[in-house]
Amino acid sequence: MRTVFLLVVLFANLAMANSAVAGKNDAEWNPPARFDYAYTGKLTVRYLPQKQVVTACANLFAKYKIAAKSGFAQRGCAAITGKTSCTVIVIEKIYALATPKAVLRHETGHCNGWAADHPK
């Protein structure tokens, strides 16, 4: 029974990972225009292998008491770390059809105030 549950969770996560093709014109992935601009404060960006992104994001969320969860298919994350600073963790190479550049754009949107639930 546990094996069936784990397979269901695995396939659900794989489906979600492949549903977002992060790219230049992807309306589901890119932040809305009002959040889609270069961050004007101090932006710290760390590029890591995808497996390390998961742990690094969990640690970042814990450090800044952010109520967000890391998942094993995670491509990146962002945390506002001060009034004018933000830390972003990004995959170092393409993962699940997402490029590091697209992930950085997405996460920078969060630094600019785009909520974690991705409202339009």
N, C-alpha and C. Protein backbone atom coordinates (compact mmCIF):
# COMPACT_ATOMS: atom_id res chain seq x y z
N MET A 1 0.83 -1.20 0.00
CA MET A 1 0.00 0.00 0.00
C MET A 1 0.88 1.26 0.00
N ARG A 2 1.93 1.23 0.80
CA ARG A 2 2.82 2.38 0.86
C ARG A 2 3.48 2.63 -0.50
N THR A 3 3.84 1.56 -1.19
CA THR A 3 4.47 1.69 -2.51
C THR A 3 3.51 2.36 -3.49
N VAL A 4 2.24 1.98 -3.45
CA VAL A 4 1.25 2.59 -4.34
C VAL A 4 1.13 4.08 -4.04
N PHE A 5 1.08 4.43 -2.76
CA PHE A 5 0.99 5.84 -2.36
C PHE A 5 2.20 6.62 -2.87
N LEU A 6 3.39 6.06 -2.68
CA LEU A 6 4.60 6.75 -3.12
C LEU A 6 4.62 6.92 -4.64
N LEU A 7 4.15 5.93 -5.37
CA LEU A 7 4.08 6.05 -6.83
C LEU A 7 3.10 7.13 -7.25
N VAL A 8 1.96 7.21 -6.57
CA VAL A 8 0.99 8.26 -6.88
C VAL A 8 1.60 9.63 -6.64
N VAL A 9 2.27 9.80 -5.52
CA VAL A 9 2.92 11.08 -5.21
C VAL A 9 3.99 11.39 -6.25
N LEU A 10 4.78 10.39 -6.62
CA LEU A 10 5.83 10.59 -7.62
C LEU A 10 5.25 11.04 -8.95
N PHE A 11 4.24 10.35 -9.45
CA PHE A 11 3.65 10.72 -10.73
C PHE A 11 2.97 12.08 -10.67
N ALA A 12 2.35 12.41 -9.56
CA ALA A 12 1.72 13.73 -9.42
C ALA A 12 2.78 14.82 -9.49
N ASN A 13 3.90 14.62 -8.82
CA ASN A 13 4.97 15.62 -8.85
C ASN A 13 5.61 15.71 -10.23
N LEU A 14 5.76 14.59 -10.90
CA LEU A 14 6.32 14.64 -12.26
C LEU A 14 5.39 15.36 -13.21
N ALA A 15 4.10 15.14 -13.07
CA ALA A 15 3.13 15.84 -13.92
C ALA A 15 3.19 17.33 -13.68
N MET A 16 3.30 17.73 -12.42
CA MET A 16 3.40 19.16 -12.11
C MET A 16 4.70 19.72 -12.64
N ALA A 17 5.79 18.98 -12.52
CA ALA A 17 7.09 19.48 -12.97
C ALA A 17 7.09 19.71 -14.47
N ASN A 18 6.40 18.87 -15.22
CA ASN A 18 6.40 19.00 -16.67
C ASN A 18 5.31 19.93 -17.18
N SER A 19 4.40 20.37 -16.31
CA SER A 19 3.32 21.23 -16.77
C SER A 19 3.75 22.68 -16.94
N ALA A 20 4.85 23.06 -16.33
CA ALA A 20 5.32 24.44 -16.45
C ALA A 20 6.58 24.46 -17.29
N VAL A 21 6.44 24.81 -18.54
CA VAL A 21 7.58 24.93 -19.43
C VAL A 21 8.06 26.37 -19.31
N ALA A 22 9.05 26.56 -18.47
CA ALA A 22 9.51 27.91 -18.18
C ALA A 22 10.21 28.49 -19.39
N GLY A 23 9.66 29.54 -19.91
CA GLY A 23 10.27 30.14 -21.08
C GLY A 23 9.87 31.58 -21.28
N LYS A 24 10.40 32.15 -22.32
CA LYS A 24 10.25 33.57 -22.62
C LYS A 24 8.79 34.03 -22.65
N ASN A 25 7.91 33.27 -23.24
CA ASN A 25 6.52 33.70 -23.40
C ASN A 25 5.52 32.85 -22.63
N ASP A 26 5.95 32.21 -21.58
CA ASP A 26 5.09 31.31 -20.82
C ASP A 26 4.31 32.09 -19.75
N ALA A 27 3.05 32.33 -20.03
CA ALA A 27 2.21 33.12 -19.11
C ALA A 27 1.98 32.42 -17.79
N GLU A 28 2.08 31.11 -17.75
CA GLU A 28 1.89 30.38 -16.50
C GLU A 28 3.14 30.42 -15.63
N TRP A 29 4.27 30.68 -16.20
CA TRP A 29 5.54 30.63 -15.45
C TRP A 29 6.05 32.03 -15.12
N ASN A 30 5.98 32.94 -16.09
CA ASN A 30 6.55 34.27 -15.89
C ASN A 30 5.67 35.12 -14.98
N PRO A 31 6.30 35.99 -14.20
CA PRO A 31 5.50 36.87 -13.35
C PRO A 31 4.69 37.86 -14.17
N PRO A 32 3.58 38.35 -13.62
CA PRO A 32 2.83 39.41 -14.31
C PRO A 32 3.73 40.63 -14.53
N ALA A 33 3.42 41.42 -15.52
CA ALA A 33 4.26 42.56 -15.91
C ALA A 33 4.59 43.48 -14.73
N ARG A 34 3.67 43.66 -13.81
CA ARG A 34 3.93 44.58 -12.70
C ARG A 34 5.02 44.08 -11.74
N PHE A 35 5.41 42.79 -11.86
CA PHE A 35 6.48 42.22 -11.04
C PHE A 35 7.67 41.77 -11.88
N ASP A 36 7.60 41.93 -13.19
CA ASP A 36 8.59 41.40 -14.11
C ASP A 36 9.59 42.47 -14.53
N TYR A 37 10.49 42.79 -13.62
CA TYR A 37 11.53 43.78 -13.88
C TYR A 37 12.73 43.46 -13.00
N ALA A 38 13.86 44.05 -13.30
CA ALA A 38 15.07 43.81 -12.53
C ALA A 38 14.88 44.27 -11.09
N TYR A 39 15.35 43.49 -10.15
CA TYR A 39 15.27 43.85 -8.74
C TYR A 39 16.21 45.03 -8.48
N THR A 40 15.74 46.04 -7.76
CA THR A 40 16.54 47.25 -7.58
C THR A 40 17.37 47.23 -6.30
N GLY A 41 17.13 46.29 -5.42
CA GLY A 41 17.92 46.19 -4.19
C GLY A 41 19.11 45.27 -4.39
N LYS A 42 19.64 44.79 -3.27
CA LYS A 42 20.77 43.85 -3.32
C LYS A 42 20.20 42.46 -3.58
N LEU A 43 20.54 41.88 -4.72
CA LEU A 43 20.07 40.56 -5.10
C LEU A 43 21.22 39.58 -5.01
N THR A 44 21.05 38.58 -4.14
CA THR A 44 22.03 37.52 -4.01
C THR A 44 21.48 36.30 -4.74
N VAL A 45 22.23 35.78 -5.70
CA VAL A 45 21.79 34.64 -6.49
C VAL A 45 22.78 33.50 -6.30
N ARG A 46 22.25 32.34 -5.96
CA ARG A 46 23.07 31.13 -5.82
C ARG A 46 22.58 30.11 -6.84
N TYR A 47 23.50 29.63 -7.68
CA TYR A 47 23.19 28.59 -8.66
C TYR A 47 23.69 27.26 -8.10
N LEU A 48 22.78 26.29 -8.03
CA LEU A 48 23.11 24.99 -7.45
C LEU A 48 22.55 23.85 -8.30
N PRO A 49 23.12 22.65 -8.14
CA PRO A 49 22.50 21.48 -8.78
C PRO A 49 21.09 21.31 -8.21
N GLN A 50 20.18 20.79 -9.01
CA GLN A 50 18.77 20.72 -8.61
C GLN A 50 18.58 20.01 -7.28
N LYS A 51 19.25 18.92 -7.03
CA LYS A 51 19.07 18.21 -5.76
C LYS A 51 19.48 19.08 -4.57
N GLN A 52 20.45 19.96 -4.75
CA GLN A 52 20.86 20.86 -3.68
C GLN A 52 19.89 22.04 -3.54
N VAL A 53 19.20 22.39 -4.62
CA VAL A 53 18.21 23.47 -4.58
C VAL A 53 17.13 23.15 -3.55
N VAL A 54 16.67 21.92 -3.53
CA VAL A 54 15.61 21.51 -2.60
C VAL A 54 16.02 21.77 -1.16
N THR A 55 17.19 21.32 -0.78
CA THR A 55 17.67 21.51 0.60
C THR A 55 17.96 22.97 0.89
N ALA A 56 18.60 23.65 -0.05
CA ALA A 56 18.94 25.06 0.15
C ALA A 56 17.68 25.91 0.31
N CYS A 57 16.65 25.62 -0.47
CA CYS A 57 15.39 26.37 -0.35
C CYS A 57 14.72 26.09 0.99
N ALA A 58 14.71 24.84 1.42
CA ALA A 58 14.13 24.50 2.72
C ALA A 58 14.86 25.25 3.83
N ASN A 59 16.17 25.32 3.74
CA ASN A 59 16.96 26.04 4.75
C ASN A 59 16.70 27.54 4.69
N LEU A 60 16.59 28.09 3.49
CA LEU A 60 16.30 29.51 3.33
C LEU A 60 14.93 29.86 3.92
N PHE A 61 13.93 29.03 3.61
CA PHE A 61 12.59 29.27 4.15
C PHE A 61 12.59 29.19 5.68
N ALA A 62 13.31 28.23 6.23
CA ALA A 62 13.37 28.08 7.69
C ALA A 62 14.07 29.28 8.33
N LYS A 63 15.17 29.71 7.72
CA LYS A 63 15.94 30.83 8.28
C LYS A 63 15.12 32.11 8.35
N TYR A 64 14.31 32.36 7.33
CA TYR A 64 13.52 33.59 7.28
C TYR A 64 12.06 33.37 7.66
N LYS A 65 11.79 32.20 8.24
CA LYS A 65 10.45 31.87 8.74
C LYS A 65 9.37 32.09 7.68
N ILE A 66 9.63 31.55 6.50
CA ILE A 66 8.70 31.64 5.38
C ILE A 66 7.88 30.35 5.35
N ALA A 67 6.58 30.51 5.33
CA ALA A 67 5.69 29.35 5.32
C ALA A 67 5.54 28.82 3.90
N ALA A 68 6.59 28.23 3.40
CA ALA A 68 6.57 27.64 2.07
C ALA A 68 7.22 26.28 2.16
N LYS A 69 6.88 25.43 1.24
CA LYS A 69 7.43 24.07 1.24
C LYS A 69 8.34 23.87 0.05
N SER A 70 9.36 23.09 0.27
CA SER A 70 10.24 22.69 -0.82
C SER A 70 9.76 21.35 -1.34
N GLY A 71 9.92 21.13 -2.63
CA GLY A 71 9.54 19.86 -3.23
C GLY A 71 10.69 19.29 -4.02
N PHE A 72 10.69 17.98 -4.23
CA PHE A 72 11.85 17.37 -4.86
C PHE A 72 12.02 17.77 -6.32
N ALA A 73 11.01 18.36 -6.95
CA ALA A 73 11.14 18.82 -8.34
C ALA A 73 11.37 20.33 -8.41
N GLN A 74 11.73 20.92 -7.30
CA GLN A 74 11.89 22.36 -7.22
C GLN A 74 13.03 22.87 -8.09
N ARG A 75 12.79 24.00 -8.73
CA ARG A 75 13.78 24.60 -9.63
C ARG A 75 14.47 25.80 -9.00
N GLY A 76 13.84 26.42 -8.01
CA GLY A 76 14.41 27.58 -7.37
C GLY A 76 13.49 28.12 -6.30
N CYS A 77 13.93 29.18 -5.65
CA CYS A 77 13.12 29.83 -4.62
C CYS A 77 13.68 31.22 -4.38
N ALA A 78 12.91 32.02 -3.67
CA ALA A 78 13.34 33.38 -3.35
C ALA A 78 12.87 33.72 -1.95
N ALA A 79 13.65 34.54 -1.27
CA ALA A 79 13.26 35.05 0.04
C ALA A 79 13.70 36.50 0.16
N ILE A 80 12.77 37.34 0.54
CA ILE A 80 13.12 38.73 0.84
C ILE A 80 13.83 38.70 2.18
N THR A 81 15.07 39.16 2.18
CA THR A 81 15.92 39.01 3.36
C THR A 81 16.16 40.32 4.10
N GLY A 82 15.59 41.39 3.61
CA GLY A 82 15.71 42.70 4.24
C GLY A 82 14.86 43.70 3.49
N LYS A 83 14.88 44.95 3.93
CA LYS A 83 14.05 45.97 3.26
C LYS A 83 14.45 46.16 1.80
N THR A 84 15.73 45.99 1.52
CA THR A 84 16.20 46.17 0.14
C THR A 84 17.11 45.03 -0.29
N SER A 85 16.81 43.82 0.17
CA SER A 85 17.64 42.67 -0.24
C SER A 85 16.78 41.43 -0.41
N CYS A 86 17.22 40.59 -1.34
CA CYS A 86 16.51 39.36 -1.64
C CYS A 86 17.53 38.31 -2.03
N THR A 87 17.28 37.08 -1.60
CA THR A 87 18.14 35.95 -1.96
C THR A 87 17.35 35.01 -2.85
N VAL A 88 17.98 34.60 -3.94
CA VAL A 88 17.36 33.69 -4.90
C VAL A 88 18.27 32.48 -5.06
N ILE A 89 17.67 31.31 -5.06
CA ILE A 89 18.39 30.07 -5.35
C ILE A 89 17.83 29.53 -6.65
N VAL A 90 18.73 29.17 -7.57
CA VAL A 90 18.35 28.79 -8.93
C VAL A 90 19.09 27.52 -9.34
N ILE A 91 18.42 26.68 -10.12
CA ILE A 91 19.09 25.52 -10.70
C ILE A 91 20.25 25.99 -11.56
N GLU A 92 21.32 25.21 -11.60
CA GLU A 92 22.50 25.62 -12.37
C GLU A 92 22.43 25.21 -13.85
N LYS A 93 21.53 24.27 -14.18
CA LYS A 93 21.36 23.87 -15.57
C LYS A 93 19.89 23.49 -15.79
N ILE A 94 19.51 23.29 -17.03
CA ILE A 94 18.11 23.00 -17.37
C ILE A 94 17.61 21.80 -16.58
N TYR A 95 16.44 21.95 -16.00
CA TYR A 95 15.80 20.88 -15.25
C TYR A 95 14.30 20.95 -15.50
N ALA A 96 13.71 19.82 -15.86
CA ALA A 96 12.26 19.73 -16.11
C ALA A 96 11.80 20.86 -17.04
N LEU A 97 12.55 21.08 -18.10
CA LEU A 97 12.26 22.06 -19.15
C LEU A 97 12.42 23.51 -18.71
N ALA A 98 12.93 23.74 -17.53
CA ALA A 98 13.15 25.11 -17.06
C ALA A 98 14.63 25.46 -17.17
N THR A 99 14.90 26.64 -17.71
CA THR A 99 16.29 27.10 -17.80
C THR A 99 16.62 27.94 -16.57
N PRO A 100 17.90 28.01 -16.20
CA PRO A 100 18.27 28.88 -15.09
C PRO A 100 17.80 30.33 -15.29
N LYS A 101 17.89 30.82 -16.52
CA LYS A 101 17.47 32.20 -16.82
C LYS A 101 15.98 32.38 -16.54
N ALA A 102 15.16 31.42 -16.95
CA ALA A 102 13.71 31.51 -16.72
C ALA A 102 13.39 31.41 -15.23
N VAL A 103 14.10 30.55 -14.52
CA VAL A 103 13.88 30.42 -13.07
C VAL A 103 14.26 31.72 -12.37
N LEU A 104 15.38 32.32 -12.76
CA LEU A 104 15.80 33.58 -12.15
C LEU A 104 14.75 34.66 -12.39
N ARG A 105 14.21 34.73 -13.59
CA ARG A 105 13.15 35.71 -13.90
C ARG A 105 11.94 35.48 -13.00
N HIS A 106 11.53 34.22 -12.87
CA HIS A 106 10.38 33.86 -12.05
C HIS A 106 10.62 34.25 -10.58
N GLU A 107 11.77 33.86 -10.06
CA GLU A 107 12.07 34.14 -8.65
C GLU A 107 12.28 35.63 -8.39
N THR A 108 12.84 36.35 -9.35
CA THR A 108 12.99 37.79 -9.18
C THR A 108 11.62 38.46 -9.07
N GLY A 109 10.63 37.92 -9.77
CA GLY A 109 9.26 38.40 -9.61
C GLY A 109 8.80 38.31 -8.16
N HIS A 110 9.19 37.24 -7.47
CA HIS A 110 8.85 37.11 -6.05
C HIS A 110 9.59 38.16 -5.22
N CYS A 111 10.83 38.43 -5.56
CA CYS A 111 11.58 39.50 -4.86
C CYS A 111 10.88 40.84 -5.03
N ASN A 112 10.23 41.03 -6.18
CA ASN A 112 9.54 42.28 -6.47
C ASN A 112 8.11 42.34 -5.91
N GLY A 113 7.74 41.31 -5.14
CA GLY A 113 6.44 41.34 -4.47
C GLY A 113 5.39 40.39 -4.98
N TRP A 114 5.70 39.59 -6.00
CA TRP A 114 4.75 38.62 -6.53
C TRP A 114 4.53 37.53 -5.48
N ALA A 115 3.31 37.31 -5.09
CA ALA A 115 2.98 36.37 -4.03
C ALA A 115 3.31 34.93 -4.44
N ALA A 116 3.55 34.11 -3.46
CA ALA A 116 3.94 32.70 -3.70
C ALA A 116 2.85 31.89 -4.39
N ASP A 117 1.59 32.31 -4.27
CA ASP A 117 0.51 31.57 -4.93
C ASP A 117 0.31 32.00 -6.38
N HIS A 118 1.21 32.84 -6.88
CA HIS A 118 1.26 33.25 -8.28
C HIS A 118 -0.01 33.88 -8.82
N PRO A 119 -0.55 34.90 -8.15
CA PRO A 119 -1.74 35.56 -8.71
C PRO A 119 -1.38 36.30 -9.99
N LYS A 120 -2.36 36.48 -10.85
CA LYS A 120 -2.14 37.19 -12.12
C LYS A 120 -2.16 38.67 -11.95
